[in-house]
Amino acid sequence: DDIHPTFLVALISRRSRHRAGMRYKRRGVDKNGNVANYVET
């Protein structure tokens, strides 16, 4: 429509501070239920 001709698109990825690490060095879950390399997008 001529009044609002645009879409605003945002992509946000947040990596958890729990169980962060290198790919082959940090895997699985810990005793608190945190998983390795967890990302919310």
PDB file of all heavy atoms in Angstrom:
ATOM      1  N   ASP A   1       0.865  -1.190   0.000  1.00  0.00           N
ATOM      2  CA  ASP A   1       0.000   0.000   0.000  1.00  0.00           C
ATOM      3  C   ASP A   1       0.892   1.228   0.000  1.00  0.00           C
ATOM      4  O   ASP A   1       2.046   1.190   0.384  1.00  0.00           O
ATOM      5  CB  ASP A   1      -1.051  -0.074   1.107  1.00  0.00           C
ATOM      6  CG  ASP A   1      -0.705   0.550   2.429  1.00  0.00           C
ATOM      7  OD1 ASP A   1       0.038   1.534   2.464  1.00  0.00           O
ATOM      8  OD2 ASP A   1      -1.230   0.061   3.438  1.00  0.00           O
ATOM      9  N   ASP A   2       0.365   2.313  -0.534  1.00  0.00           N
ATOM     10  CA  ASP A   2       1.197   3.497  -0.751  1.00  0.00           C
ATOM     11  C   ASP A   2       1.572   4.208   0.536  1.00  0.00           C
ATOM     12  O   ASP A   2       2.519   4.974   0.569  1.00  0.00           O
ATOM     13  CB  ASP A   2       0.475   4.468  -1.691  1.00  0.00           C
ATOM     14  CG  ASP A   2       0.339   3.887  -3.081  1.00  0.00           C
ATOM     15  OD1 ASP A   2       1.218   3.089  -3.463  1.00  0.00           O
ATOM     16  OD2 ASP A   2      -0.635   4.219  -3.777  1.00  0.00           O
ATOM     17  N   ILE A   3       0.818   3.994   1.611  1.00  0.00           N
ATOM     18  CA  ILE A   3       1.117   4.667   2.869  1.00  0.00           C
ATOM     19  C   ILE A   3       2.272   3.982   3.595  1.00  0.00           C
ATOM     20  O   ILE A   3       3.185   4.625   4.098  1.00  0.00           O
ATOM     21  CB  ILE A   3      -0.132   4.698   3.773  1.00  0.00           C
ATOM     22  CG1 ILE A   3      -1.241   5.472   3.070  1.00  0.00           C
ATOM     23  CG2 ILE A   3       0.191   5.314   5.120  1.00  0.00           C
ATOM     24  CD1 ILE A   3      -2.587   5.349   3.723  1.00  0.00           C
ATOM     25  N   HIS A   4       2.263   2.640   3.648  1.00  0.00           N
ATOM     26  CA  HIS A   4       3.312   1.864   4.314  1.00  0.00           C
ATOM     27  C   HIS A   4       3.872   0.829   3.331  1.00  0.00           C
ATOM     28  O   HIS A   4       3.541  -0.341   3.403  1.00  0.00           O
ATOM     29  CB  HIS A   4       2.760   1.150   5.549  1.00  0.00           C
ATOM     30  CG  HIS A   4       2.177   2.069   6.569  1.00  0.00           C
ATOM     31  ND1 HIS A   4       2.967   2.854   7.370  1.00  0.00           N
ATOM     32  CD2 HIS A   4       0.899   2.340   6.907  1.00  0.00           C
ATOM     33  CE1 HIS A   4       2.202   3.568   8.171  1.00  0.00           C
ATOM     34  NE2 HIS A   4       0.935   3.276   7.908  1.00  0.00           N
ATOM     35  N   PRO A   5       4.721   1.260   2.386  1.00  0.00           N
ATOM     36  CA  PRO A   5       5.173   0.326   1.354  1.00  0.00           C
ATOM     37  C   PRO A   5       6.310  -0.603   1.782  1.00  0.00           C
ATOM     38  O   PRO A   5       6.777  -1.376   0.983  1.00  0.00           O
ATOM     39  CB  PRO A   5       5.651   1.253   0.239  1.00  0.00           C
ATOM     40  CG  PRO A   5       6.125   2.470   0.965  1.00  0.00           C
ATOM     41  CD  PRO A   5       5.226   2.613   2.164  1.00  0.00           C
ATOM     42  N   THR A   6       6.748  -0.545   3.033  1.00  0.00           N
ATOM     43  CA  THR A   6       7.908  -1.349   3.422  1.00  0.00           C
ATOM     44  C   THR A   6       7.582  -2.304   4.559  1.00  0.00           C
ATOM     45  O   THR A   6       6.684  -2.080   5.356  1.00  0.00           O
ATOM     46  CB  THR A   6       9.076  -0.453   3.875  1.00  0.00           C
ATOM     47  OG1 THR A   6       8.665   0.295   5.003  1.00  0.00           O
ATOM     48  CG2 THR A   6       9.532   0.457   2.761  1.00  0.00           C
ATOM     49  N   PHE A   7       8.349  -3.382   4.578  1.00  0.00           N
ATOM     50  CA  PHE A   7       8.362  -4.328   5.688  1.00  0.00           C
ATOM     51  C   PHE A   7       9.686  -4.111   6.408  1.00  0.00           C
ATOM     52  O   PHE A   7      10.731  -3.987   5.766  1.00  0.00           O
ATOM     53  CB  PHE A   7       8.359  -5.777   5.186  1.00  0.00           C
ATOM     54  CG  PHE A   7       7.081  -6.214   4.566  1.00  0.00           C
ATOM     55  CD1 PHE A   7       6.763  -5.877   3.268  1.00  0.00           C
ATOM     56  CD2 PHE A   7       6.194  -6.997   5.284  1.00  0.00           C
ATOM     57  CE1 PHE A   7       5.595  -6.301   2.691  1.00  0.00           C
ATOM     58  CE2 PHE A   7       5.014  -7.429   4.718  1.00  0.00           C
ATOM     59  CZ  PHE A   7       4.706  -7.081   3.415  1.00  0.00           C
ATOM     60  N   LEU A   8       9.647  -4.074   7.704  1.00  0.00           N
ATOM     61  CA  LEU A   8      10.873  -4.017   8.481  1.00  0.00           C
ATOM     62  C   LEU A   8      11.136  -5.430   8.987  1.00  0.00           C
ATOM     63  O   LEU A   8      10.281  -6.023   9.642  1.00  0.00           O
ATOM     64  CB  LEU A   8      10.727  -3.042   9.651  1.00  0.00           C
ATOM     65  CG  LEU A   8      12.005  -2.687  10.400  1.00  0.00           C
ATOM     66  CD1 LEU A   8      12.981  -1.977   9.469  1.00  0.00           C
ATOM     67  CD2 LEU A   8      11.685  -1.811  11.589  1.00  0.00           C
ATOM     68  N   VAL A   9      12.275  -5.997   8.633  1.00  0.00           N
ATOM     69  CA  VAL A   9      12.620  -7.368   9.011  1.00  0.00           C
ATOM     70  C   VAL A   9      13.868  -7.338   9.886  1.00  0.00           C
ATOM     71  O   VAL A   9      14.868  -6.712   9.523  1.00  0.00           O
ATOM     72  CB  VAL A   9      12.874  -8.245   7.763  1.00  0.00           C
ATOM     73  CG1 VAL A   9      13.270  -9.649   8.156  1.00  0.00           C
ATOM     74  CG2 VAL A   9      11.644  -8.272   6.866  1.00  0.00           C
ATOM     75  N   ALA A  10      13.778  -8.001  11.033  1.00  0.00           N
ATOM     76  CA  ALA A  10      14.924  -8.076  11.937  1.00  0.00           C
ATOM     77  C   ALA A  10      15.233  -9.529  12.229  1.00  0.00           C
ATOM     78  O   ALA A  10      14.322 -10.349  12.395  1.00  0.00           O
ATOM     79  CB  ALA A  10      14.624  -7.336  13.237  1.00  0.00           C
ATOM     80  N   LEU A  11      16.498  -9.848  12.269  1.00  0.00           N
ATOM     81  CA  LEU A  11      16.961 -11.180  12.633  1.00  0.00           C
ATOM     82  C   LEU A  11      17.916 -11.017  13.806  1.00  0.00           C
ATOM     83  O   LEU A  11      18.909 -10.292  13.710  1.00  0.00           O
ATOM     84  CB  LEU A  11      17.665 -11.842  11.448  1.00  0.00           C
ATOM     85  CG  LEU A  11      18.004 -13.314  11.590  1.00  0.00           C
ATOM     86  CD1 LEU A  11      16.723 -14.140  11.685  1.00  0.00           C
ATOM     87  CD2 LEU A  11      18.840 -13.777  10.423  1.00  0.00           C
ATOM     88  N   ILE A  12      17.585 -11.652  14.921  1.00  0.00           N
ATOM     89  CA  ILE A  12      18.387 -11.527  16.138  1.00  0.00           C
ATOM     90  C   ILE A  12      18.726 -12.925  16.636  1.00  0.00           C
ATOM     91  O   ILE A  12      17.826 -13.727  16.902  1.00  0.00           O
ATOM     92  CB  ILE A  12      17.618 -10.773  17.248  1.00  0.00           C
ATOM     93  CG1 ILE A  12      17.155  -9.410  16.741  1.00  0.00           C
ATOM     94  CG2 ILE A  12      18.471 -10.641  18.501  1.00  0.00           C
ATOM     95  CD1 ILE A  12      16.126  -8.748  17.628  1.00  0.00           C
ATOM     96  N   SER A  13      19.994 -13.234  16.751  1.00  0.00           N
ATOM     97  CA  SER A  13      20.440 -14.507  17.313  1.00  0.00           C
ATOM     98  C   SER A  13      21.191 -14.234  18.597  1.00  0.00           C
ATOM     99  O   SER A  13      22.087 -13.380  18.628  1.00  0.00           O
ATOM    100  CB  SER A  13      21.349 -15.257  16.343  1.00  0.00           C
ATOM    101  OG  SER A  13      20.592 -15.767  15.273  1.00  0.00           O
ATOM    102  N   ARG A  14      20.822 -14.962  19.644  1.00  0.00           N
ATOM    103  CA  ARG A  14      21.454 -14.794  20.955  1.00  0.00           C
ATOM    104  C   ARG A  14      22.009 -16.146  21.400  1.00  0.00           C
ATOM    105  O   ARG A  14      21.266 -17.116  21.465  1.00  0.00           O
ATOM    106  CB  ARG A  14      20.427 -14.283  21.968  1.00  0.00           C
ATOM    107  CG  ARG A  14      19.845 -12.946  21.616  1.00  0.00           C
ATOM    108  CD  ARG A  14      18.680 -12.591  22.517  1.00  0.00           C
ATOM    109  NE  ARG A  14      17.460 -13.276  22.125  1.00  0.00           N
ATOM    110  CZ  ARG A  14      16.508 -12.748  21.359  1.00  0.00           C
ATOM    111  NH1 ARG A  14      16.659 -11.543  20.888  1.00  0.00           N
ATOM    112  NH2 ARG A  14      15.421 -13.423  21.073  1.00  0.00           N
ATOM    113  N   ARG A  15      23.288 -16.167  21.696  1.00  0.00           N
ATOM    114  CA  ARG A  15      23.926 -17.398  22.155  1.00  0.00           C
ATOM    115  C   ARG A  15      23.938 -17.413  23.674  1.00  0.00           C
ATOM    116  O   ARG A  15      24.278 -16.423  24.314  1.00  0.00           O
ATOM    117  CB  ARG A  15      25.347 -17.473  21.621  1.00  0.00           C
ATOM    118  CG  ARG A  15      26.018 -18.787  21.937  1.00  0.00           C
ATOM    119  CD  ARG A  15      27.360 -18.873  21.258  1.00  0.00           C
ATOM    120  NE  ARG A  15      27.950 -20.174  21.530  1.00  0.00           N
ATOM    121  CZ  ARG A  15      29.197 -20.470  21.294  1.00  0.00           C
ATOM    122  NH1 ARG A  15      30.001 -19.572  20.762  1.00  0.00           N
ATOM    123  NH2 ARG A  15      29.661 -21.651  21.569  1.00  0.00           N
ATOM    124  N   SER A  16      23.589 -18.546  24.249  1.00  0.00           N
ATOM    125  CA  SER A  16      23.568 -18.678  25.698  1.00  0.00           C
ATOM    126  C   SER A  16      24.977 -18.642  26.262  1.00  0.00           C
ATOM    127  O   SER A  16      25.927 -19.142  25.658  1.00  0.00           O
ATOM    128  CB  SER A  16      22.903 -19.997  26.085  1.00  0.00           C
ATOM    129  OG  SER A  16      23.014 -20.229  27.471  1.00  0.00           O
ATOM    130  N   ARG A  17      25.104 -18.087  27.450  1.00  0.00           N
ATOM    131  CA  ARG A  17      26.404 -18.072  28.128  1.00  0.00           C
ATOM    132  C   ARG A  17      26.670 -19.398  28.825  1.00  0.00           C
ATOM    133  O   ARG A  17      27.779 -19.678  29.247  1.00  0.00           O
ATOM    134  CB  ARG A  17      26.463 -16.925  29.129  1.00  0.00           C
ATOM    135  CG  ARG A  17      25.573 -17.103  30.337  1.00  0.00           C
ATOM    136  CD  ARG A  17      25.611 -15.879  31.239  1.00  0.00           C
ATOM    137  NE  ARG A  17      24.992 -16.120  32.502  1.00  0.00           N
ATOM    138  CZ  ARG A  17      23.690 -16.126  32.735  1.00  0.00           C
ATOM    139  NH1 ARG A  17      22.851 -15.906  31.736  1.00  0.00           N
ATOM    140  NH2 ARG A  17      23.210 -16.352  33.927  1.00  0.00           N
ATOM    141  N   HIS A  18      25.634 -20.235  28.968  1.00  0.00           N
ATOM    142  CA  HIS A  18      25.788 -21.539  29.616  1.00  0.00           C
ATOM    143  C   HIS A  18      26.296 -22.566  28.597  1.00  0.00           C
ATOM    144  O   HIS A  18      25.729 -22.695  27.522  1.00  0.00           O
ATOM    145  CB  HIS A  18      24.460 -22.030  30.193  1.00  0.00           C
ATOM    146  CG  HIS A  18      23.835 -21.067  31.143  1.00  0.00           C
ATOM    147  ND1 HIS A  18      24.337 -20.841  32.404  1.00  0.00           N
ATOM    148  CD2 HIS A  18      22.766 -20.249  31.017  1.00  0.00           C
ATOM    149  CE1 HIS A  18      23.594 -19.940  33.012  1.00  0.00           C
ATOM    150  NE2 HIS A  18      22.637 -19.563  32.190  1.00  0.00           N
ATOM    151  N   ARG A  19      27.334 -23.262  28.925  1.00  0.00           N
ATOM    152  CA  ARG A  19      27.904 -24.338  28.109  1.00  0.00           C
ATOM    153  C   ARG A  19      28.349 -23.887  26.724  1.00  0.00           C
ATOM    154  O   ARG A  19      28.261 -24.621  25.751  1.00  0.00           O
ATOM    155  CB  ARG A  19      26.941 -25.519  27.996  1.00  0.00           C
ATOM    156  CG  ARG A  19      26.798 -26.213  29.323  1.00  0.00           C
ATOM    157  CD  ARG A  19      26.200 -27.586  29.296  1.00  0.00           C
ATOM    158  NE  ARG A  19      26.765 -28.568  28.403  1.00  0.00           N
ATOM    159  CZ  ARG A  19      27.905 -29.228  28.590  1.00  0.00           C
ATOM    160  NH1 ARG A  19      28.646 -28.988  29.633  1.00  0.00           N
ATOM    161  NH2 ARG A  19      28.304 -30.148  27.737  1.00  0.00           N
ATOM    162  N   ALA A  20      28.836 -22.662  26.614  1.00  0.00           N
ATOM    163  CA  ALA A  20      29.414 -22.209  25.355  1.00  0.00           C
ATOM    164  C   ALA A  20      30.783 -22.869  25.201  1.00  0.00           C
ATOM    165  O   ALA A  20      31.434 -23.198  26.184  1.00  0.00           O
ATOM    166  CB  ALA A  20      29.553 -20.695  25.352  1.00  0.00           C
ATOM    167  N   GLY A  21      31.179 -23.091  23.995  1.00  0.00           N
ATOM    168  CA  GLY A  21      32.495 -23.686  23.778  1.00  0.00           C
ATOM    169  C   GLY A  21      32.714 -24.080  22.337  1.00  0.00           C
ATOM    170  O   GLY A  21      31.833 -23.941  21.498  1.00  0.00           O
ATOM    171  N   MET A  22      33.899 -24.608  22.070  1.00  0.00           N
ATOM    172  CA  MET A  22      34.218 -25.059  20.722  1.00  0.00           C
ATOM    173  C   MET A  22      33.361 -26.268  20.361  1.00  0.00           C
ATOM    174  O   MET A  22      33.008 -27.074  21.222  1.00  0.00           O
ATOM    175  CB  MET A  22      35.700 -25.428  20.631  1.00  0.00           C
ATOM    176  CG  MET A  22      36.604 -24.229  20.720  1.00  0.00           C
ATOM    177  SD  MET A  22      38.369 -24.622  20.791  1.00  0.00           S
ATOM    178  CE  MET A  22      38.553 -26.038  19.777  1.00  0.00           C
ATOM    179  N   ARG A  23      33.067 -26.403  19.086  1.00  0.00           N
ATOM    180  CA  ARG A  23      32.118 -27.401  18.605  1.00  0.00           C
ATOM    181  C   ARG A  23      32.409 -28.817  19.085  1.00  0.00           C
ATOM    182  O   ARG A  23      31.536 -29.494  19.595  1.00  0.00           O
ATOM    183  CB  ARG A  23      32.086 -27.354  17.080  1.00  0.00           C
ATOM    184  CG  ARG A  23      31.071 -28.289  16.513  1.00  0.00           C
ATOM    185  CD  ARG A  23      30.877 -28.026  15.050  1.00  0.00           C
ATOM    186  NE  ARG A  23      29.938 -29.001  14.542  1.00  0.00           N
ATOM    187  CZ  ARG A  23      30.007 -29.530  13.352  1.00  0.00           C
ATOM    188  NH1 ARG A  23      30.959 -29.160  12.532  1.00  0.00           N
ATOM    189  NH2 ARG A  23      29.129 -30.402  12.951  1.00  0.00           N
ATOM    190  N   TYR A  24      33.611 -29.313  18.904  1.00  0.00           N
ATOM    191  CA  TYR A  24      33.905 -30.703  19.297  1.00  0.00           C
ATOM    192  C   TYR A  24      34.337 -30.832  20.751  1.00  0.00           C
ATOM    193  O   TYR A  24      34.531 -31.927  21.243  1.00  0.00           O
ATOM    194  CB  TYR A  24      34.961 -31.313  18.376  1.00  0.00           C
ATOM    195  CG  TYR A  24      34.422 -31.576  16.986  1.00  0.00           C
ATOM    196  CD1 TYR A  24      34.972 -30.964  15.879  1.00  0.00           C
ATOM    197  CD2 TYR A  24      33.336 -32.431  16.807  1.00  0.00           C
ATOM    198  CE1 TYR A  24      34.473 -31.203  14.611  1.00  0.00           C
ATOM    199  CE2 TYR A  24      32.823 -32.658  15.549  1.00  0.00           C
ATOM    200  CZ  TYR A  24      33.400 -32.045  14.454  1.00  0.00           C
ATOM    201  OH  TYR A  24      32.888 -32.276  13.209  1.00  0.00           O
ATOM    202  N   LYS A  25      34.473 -29.709  21.441  1.00  0.00           N
ATOM    203  CA  LYS A  25      34.905 -29.761  22.837  1.00  0.00           C
ATOM    204  C   LYS A  25      33.737 -29.663  23.811  1.00  0.00           C
ATOM    205  O   LYS A  25      33.865 -30.017  24.978  1.00  0.00           O
ATOM    206  CB  LYS A  25      35.898 -28.619  23.119  1.00  0.00           C
ATOM    207  CG  LYS A  25      37.204 -28.804  22.395  1.00  0.00           C
ATOM    208  CD  LYS A  25      37.868 -30.052  22.902  1.00  0.00           C
ATOM    209  CE  LYS A  25      39.142 -30.351  22.179  1.00  0.00           C
ATOM    210  NZ  LYS A  25      39.680 -31.633  22.579  1.00  0.00           N
ATOM    211  N   ARG A  26      32.618 -29.125  23.391  1.00  0.00           N
ATOM    212  CA  ARG A  26      31.482 -28.931  24.288  1.00  0.00           C
ATOM    213  C   ARG A  26      30.253 -29.541  23.624  1.00  0.00           C
ATOM    214  O   ARG A  26      29.804 -29.060  22.599  1.00  0.00           O
ATOM    215  CB  ARG A  26      31.283 -27.441  24.524  1.00  0.00           C
ATOM    216  CG  ARG A  26      30.194 -27.117  25.483  1.00  0.00           C
ATOM    217  CD  ARG A  26      30.543 -27.376  26.906  1.00  0.00           C
ATOM    218  NE  ARG A  26      31.592 -26.438  27.298  1.00  0.00           N
ATOM    219  CZ  ARG A  26      32.265 -26.536  28.413  1.00  0.00           C
ATOM    220  NH1 ARG A  26      32.007 -27.490  29.263  1.00  0.00           N
ATOM    221  NH2 ARG A  26      33.210 -25.681  28.694  1.00  0.00           N
ATOM    222  N   ARG A  27      29.723 -30.601  24.220  1.00  0.00           N
ATOM    223  CA  ARG A  27      28.574 -31.318  23.672  1.00  0.00           C
ATOM    224  C   ARG A  27      27.587 -31.653  24.781  1.00  0.00           C
ATOM    225  O   ARG A  27      27.927 -31.674  25.960  1.00  0.00           O
ATOM    226  CB  ARG A  27      29.022 -32.632  23.017  1.00  0.00           C
ATOM    227  CG  ARG A  27      29.937 -32.466  21.835  1.00  0.00           C
ATOM    228  CD  ARG A  27      29.229 -31.822  20.700  1.00  0.00           C
ATOM    229  NE  ARG A  27      29.878 -32.154  19.443  1.00  0.00           N
ATOM    230  CZ  ARG A  27      29.470 -31.712  18.288  1.00  0.00           C
ATOM    231  NH1 ARG A  27      28.440 -30.929  18.206  1.00  0.00           N
ATOM    232  NH2 ARG A  27      30.098 -32.044  17.184  1.00  0.00           N
ATOM    233  N   GLY A  28      26.358 -31.947  24.392  1.00  0.00           N
ATOM    234  CA  GLY A  28      25.370 -32.495  25.315  1.00  0.00           C
ATOM    235  C   GLY A  28      24.812 -31.518  26.327  1.00  0.00           C
ATOM    236  O   GLY A  28      24.791 -30.310  26.127  1.00  0.00           O
ATOM    237  N   VAL A  29      24.338 -32.085  27.433  1.00  0.00           N
ATOM    238  CA  VAL A  29      23.630 -31.354  28.481  1.00  0.00           C
ATOM    239  C   VAL A  29      24.465 -31.366  29.759  1.00  0.00           C
ATOM    240  O   VAL A  29      25.303 -32.248  29.946  1.00  0.00           O
ATOM    241  CB  VAL A  29      22.233 -32.003  28.710  1.00  0.00           C
ATOM    242  CG1 VAL A  29      22.347 -33.375  29.345  1.00  0.00           C
ATOM    243  CG2 VAL A  29      21.299 -31.127  29.503  1.00  0.00           C
ATOM    244  N   ASP A  30      24.236 -30.390  30.640  1.00  0.00           N
ATOM    245  CA  ASP A  30      24.900 -30.412  31.944  1.00  0.00           C
ATOM    246  C   ASP A  30      23.882 -30.768  33.025  1.00  0.00           C
ATOM    247  O   ASP A  30      22.703 -30.974  32.746  1.00  0.00           O
ATOM    248  CB  ASP A  30      25.631 -29.092  32.229  1.00  0.00           C
ATOM    249  CG  ASP A  30      24.704 -27.908  32.448  1.00  0.00           C
ATOM    250  OD1 ASP A  30      23.471 -28.087  32.575  1.00  0.00           O
ATOM    251  OD2 ASP A  30      25.210 -26.769  32.488  1.00  0.00           O
ATOM    252  N   LYS A  31      24.319 -30.790  34.277  1.00  0.00           N
ATOM    253  CA  LYS A  31      23.454 -31.225  35.385  1.00  0.00           C
ATOM    254  C   LYS A  31      22.287 -30.271  35.638  1.00  0.00           C
ATOM    255  O   LYS A  31      21.317 -30.640  36.288  1.00  0.00           O
ATOM    256  CB  LYS A  31      24.272 -31.405  36.660  1.00  0.00           C
ATOM    257  CG  LYS A  31      24.912 -30.144  37.174  1.00  0.00           C
ATOM    258  CD  LYS A  31      25.752 -30.405  38.411  1.00  0.00           C
ATOM    259  CE  LYS A  31      26.585 -29.216  38.757  1.00  0.00           C
ATOM    260  NZ  LYS A  31      26.150 -28.385  39.759  1.00  0.00           N
ATOM    261  N   ASN A  32      22.351 -29.036  35.081  1.00  0.00           N
ATOM    262  CA  ASN A  32      21.268 -28.066  35.250  1.00  0.00           C
ATOM    263  C   ASN A  32      20.304 -28.031  34.068  1.00  0.00           C
ATOM    264  O   ASN A  32      19.373 -27.230  34.056  1.00  0.00           O
ATOM    265  CB  ASN A  32      21.847 -26.668  35.474  1.00  0.00           C
ATOM    266  CG  ASN A  32      22.683 -26.608  36.729  1.00  0.00           C
ATOM    267  OD1 ASN A  32      22.303 -27.145  37.755  1.00  0.00           O
ATOM    268  ND2 ASN A  32      23.837 -25.978  36.632  1.00  0.00           N
ATOM    269  N   GLY A  33      20.552 -28.858  33.060  1.00  0.00           N
ATOM    270  CA  GLY A  33      19.682 -28.880  31.891  1.00  0.00           C
ATOM    271  C   GLY A  33      20.091 -27.929  30.782  1.00  0.00           C
ATOM    272  O   GLY A  33      19.370 -27.778  29.796  1.00  0.00           O
ATOM    273  N   ASN A  34      21.257 -27.284  30.908  1.00  0.00           N
ATOM    274  CA  ASN A  34      21.752 -26.407  29.845  1.00  0.00           C
ATOM    275  C   ASN A  34      22.440 -27.242  28.783  1.00  0.00           C
ATOM    276  O   ASN A  34      23.239 -28.116  29.100  1.00  0.00           O
ATOM    277  CB  ASN A  34      22.761 -25.398  30.407  1.00  0.00           C
ATOM    278  CG  ASN A  34      22.153 -24.520  31.461  1.00  0.00           C
ATOM    279  OD1 ASN A  34      21.141 -23.878  31.232  1.00  0.00           O
ATOM    280  ND2 ASN A  34      22.763 -24.501  32.632  1.00  0.00           N
ATOM    281  N   VAL A  35      22.137 -26.958  27.504  1.00  0.00           N
ATOM    282  CA  VAL A  35      22.788 -27.698  26.427  1.00  0.00           C
ATOM    283  C   VAL A  35      23.910 -26.867  25.823  1.00  0.00           C
ATOM    284  O   VAL A  35      23.885 -25.639  25.869  1.00  0.00           O
ATOM    285  CB  VAL A  35      21.789 -28.128  25.322  1.00  0.00           C
ATOM    286  CG1 VAL A  35      20.771 -29.107  25.861  1.00  0.00           C
ATOM    287  CG2 VAL A  35      21.126 -26.950  24.665  1.00  0.00           C
ATOM    288  N   ALA A  36      24.874 -27.552  25.257  1.00  0.00           N
ATOM    289  CA  ALA A  36      26.030 -26.892  24.659  1.00  0.00           C
ATOM    290  C   ALA A  36      25.613 -26.092  23.428  1.00  0.00           C
ATOM    291  O   ALA A  36      24.724 -26.499  22.676  1.00  0.00           O
ATOM    292  CB  ALA A  36      27.076 -27.939  24.275  1.00  0.00           C
ATOM    293  N   ASN A  37      26.257 -24.956  23.266  1.00  0.00           N
ATOM    294  CA  ASN A  37      26.114 -24.123  22.071  1.00  0.00           C
ATOM    295  C   ASN A  37      24.660 -23.806  21.718  1.00  0.00           C
ATOM    296  O   ASN A  37      24.249 -23.881  20.566  1.00  0.00           O
ATOM    297  CB  ASN A  37      26.859 -24.759  20.900  1.00  0.00           C
ATOM    298  CG  ASN A  37      28.337 -24.881  21.218  1.00  0.00           C
ATOM    299  OD1 ASN A  37      28.976 -23.906  21.589  1.00  0.00           O
ATOM    300  ND2 ASN A  37      28.866 -26.075  21.130  1.00  0.00           N
ATOM    301  N   TYR A  38      23.904 -23.436  22.729  1.00  0.00           N
ATOM    302  CA  TYR A  38      22.486 -23.107  22.581  1.00  0.00           C
ATOM    303  C   TYR A  38      22.328 -21.711  21.989  1.00  0.00           C
ATOM    304  O   TYR A  38      22.967 -20.756  22.446  1.00  0.00           O
ATOM    305  CB  TYR A  38      21.813 -23.172  23.953  1.00  0.00           C
ATOM    306  CG  TYR A  38      20.351 -22.856  23.948  1.00  0.00           C
ATOM    307  CD1 TYR A  38      19.405 -23.840  23.692  1.00  0.00           C
ATOM    308  CD2 TYR A  38      19.897 -21.566  24.204  1.00  0.00           C
ATOM    309  CE1 TYR A  38      18.049 -23.549  23.695  1.00  0.00           C
ATOM    310  CE2 TYR A  38      18.544 -21.272  24.213  1.00  0.00           C
ATOM    311  CZ  TYR A  38      17.633 -22.267  23.958  1.00  0.00           C
ATOM    312  OH  TYR A  38      16.292 -21.978  23.957  1.00  0.00           O
ATOM    313  N   VAL A  39      21.500 -21.587  20.962  1.00  0.00           N
ATOM    314  CA  VAL A  39      21.256 -20.303  20.310  1.00  0.00           C
ATOM    315  C   VAL A  39      19.753 -20.131  20.105  1.00  0.00           C
ATOM    316  O   VAL A  39      19.072 -21.040  19.641  1.00  0.00           O
ATOM    317  CB  VAL A  39      21.962 -20.206  18.935  1.00  0.00           C
ATOM    318  CG1 VAL A  39      21.646 -18.893  18.240  1.00  0.00           C
ATOM    319  CG2 VAL A  39      23.467 -20.377  19.090  1.00  0.00           C
ATOM    320  N   GLU A  40      19.252 -18.950  20.449  1.00  0.00           N
ATOM    321  CA  GLU A  40      17.870 -18.587  20.169  1.00  0.00           C
ATOM    322  C   GLU A  40      17.894 -17.562  19.048  1.00  0.00           C
ATOM    323  O   GLU A  40      18.589 -16.550  19.146  1.00  0.00           O
ATOM    324  CB  GLU A  40      17.220 -17.970  21.410  1.00  0.00           C
ATOM    325  CG  GLU A  40      15.811 -17.466  21.157  1.00  0.00           C
ATOM    326  CD  GLU A  40      15.299 -16.574  22.268  1.00  0.00           C
ATOM    327  OE1 GLU A  40      15.768 -15.413  22.360  1.00  0.00           O
ATOM    328  OE2 GLU A  40      14.455 -17.042  23.029  1.00  0.00           O
ATOM    329  N   THR A  41      17.168 -17.840  17.963  1.00  0.00           N
ATOM    330  CA  THR A  41      17.093 -16.912  16.838  1.00  0.00           C
ATOM    331  C   THR A  41      15.654 -16.453  16.681  1.00  0.00           C
ATOM    332  O   THR A  41      14.741 -17.274  16.608  1.00  0.00           O
ATOM    333  CB  THR A  41      17.586 -17.575  15.531  1.00  0.00           C
ATOM    334  OG1 THR A  41      18.946 -17.964  15.713  1.00  0.00           O
ATOM    335  CG2 THR A  41      17.486 -16.615  14.356  1.00  0.00           C
TER     336      THR A  41
END
